Protein backbone atom coordinates (compact mmCIF):
# COMPACT_ATOMS: atom_id res chain seq x y z
CA MET A 1 96.82 125.06 88.05
CA THR A 2 100.11 125.49 89.88
CA LYS A 3 103.23 123.44 89.23
CA LEU A 4 106.59 123.39 90.94
CA ALA A 5 109.23 123.11 88.23
CA MET A 6 112.60 121.83 89.44
CA LYS A 7 115.66 121.96 87.21
CA PHE A 8 118.88 120.04 87.75
CA TYR A 9 122.05 120.11 85.67
CA ASP A 10 124.21 117.02 85.18
CA ASN A 11 127.65 118.28 84.20
CA ALA A 12 128.98 114.74 83.62
CA GLU A 13 126.33 114.09 80.98
CA ARG A 14 126.01 117.76 79.95
CA ARG A 15 122.23 117.76 80.17
CA THR A 16 119.41 119.42 82.03
CA ILE A 17 116.89 117.33 83.94
CA ASN A 18 113.43 118.82 84.54
CA ILE A 19 110.95 117.51 87.08
CA SER A 20 107.56 119.10 87.71
CA LEU A 21 105.17 118.53 90.56
CA ASN A 22 101.46 119.31 90.12
CA ASP A 23 99.64 121.16 92.91
CA PRO A 24 102.53 121.59 95.35
CA LYS A 25 101.91 122.79 98.89
CA PRO A 26 101.37 126.56 98.73
CA ALA A 27 104.10 128.98 99.79
CA LEU A 28 107.02 126.57 100.05
CA ASP A 29 110.17 128.45 100.99
CA ALA A 30 113.50 128.15 99.23
CA ALA A 31 115.11 126.10 102.01
CA THR A 32 112.33 123.49 101.90
CA VAL A 33 112.45 123.14 98.12
CA GLU A 34 116.25 122.98 98.13
CA ALA A 35 116.20 120.26 100.81
CA ALA A 36 113.71 118.21 98.78
CA MET A 37 115.77 118.64 95.61
CA THR A 38 118.96 117.67 97.43
CA ALA A 39 117.24 114.48 98.61
CA MET A 40 116.40 113.64 94.97
CA ILE A 41 120.07 113.68 93.91
CA GLY A 42 121.36 110.14 93.59
CA VAL A 43 117.84 108.72 93.86
CA VAL A 44 115.62 110.36 91.23
CA VAL A 45 118.35 112.18 89.30
CA PRO A 46 121.96 111.03 88.82
CA ALA A 47 124.43 111.54 91.68
CA THR A 48 126.44 113.83 89.39
CA ALA A 49 123.54 116.31 89.08
CA VAL A 50 123.39 119.63 90.88
CA ILE A 51 120.45 121.91 91.64
CA ASP A 52 119.97 124.58 88.99
CA GLU A 53 116.67 126.31 89.85
CA ALA A 54 113.07 125.89 90.98
CA ASN A 55 110.02 127.92 89.99
CA TYR A 56 106.30 128.02 90.57
CA ILE A 57 104.42 127.98 87.26
CA GLU A 58 100.81 129.17 87.13
CA THR A 59 98.72 128.07 84.16
CA THR A 60 95.21 128.94 83.11
CA GLU A 61 93.00 126.76 80.95
CA THR A 62 90.31 128.34 78.80
CA ASN A 63 87.73 126.14 77.09
CA ILE A 64 87.23 127.37 73.55
CA THR A 65 84.65 124.83 72.44
CA ASP A 66 83.00 121.70 73.73
CA LEU A 67 82.07 119.38 70.90
CA LEU A 68 80.34 116.78 73.05
CA VAL A 69 77.21 118.39 74.41
């Protein structure tokens, strides 16, 4: 599974705000992600927040046991 992890920093509140998006469109470029994150400021995150970073995160799930057969 792929996630897009977006991190903002709110200097006024001195805290980090993390937002993740499951299954983002593949191969988003930096300008597109930055534009989307900029649009979130003042709407989804406080107006005092700034963009910190964004990363794709790849995870793998391995089933160890299945108790309900």
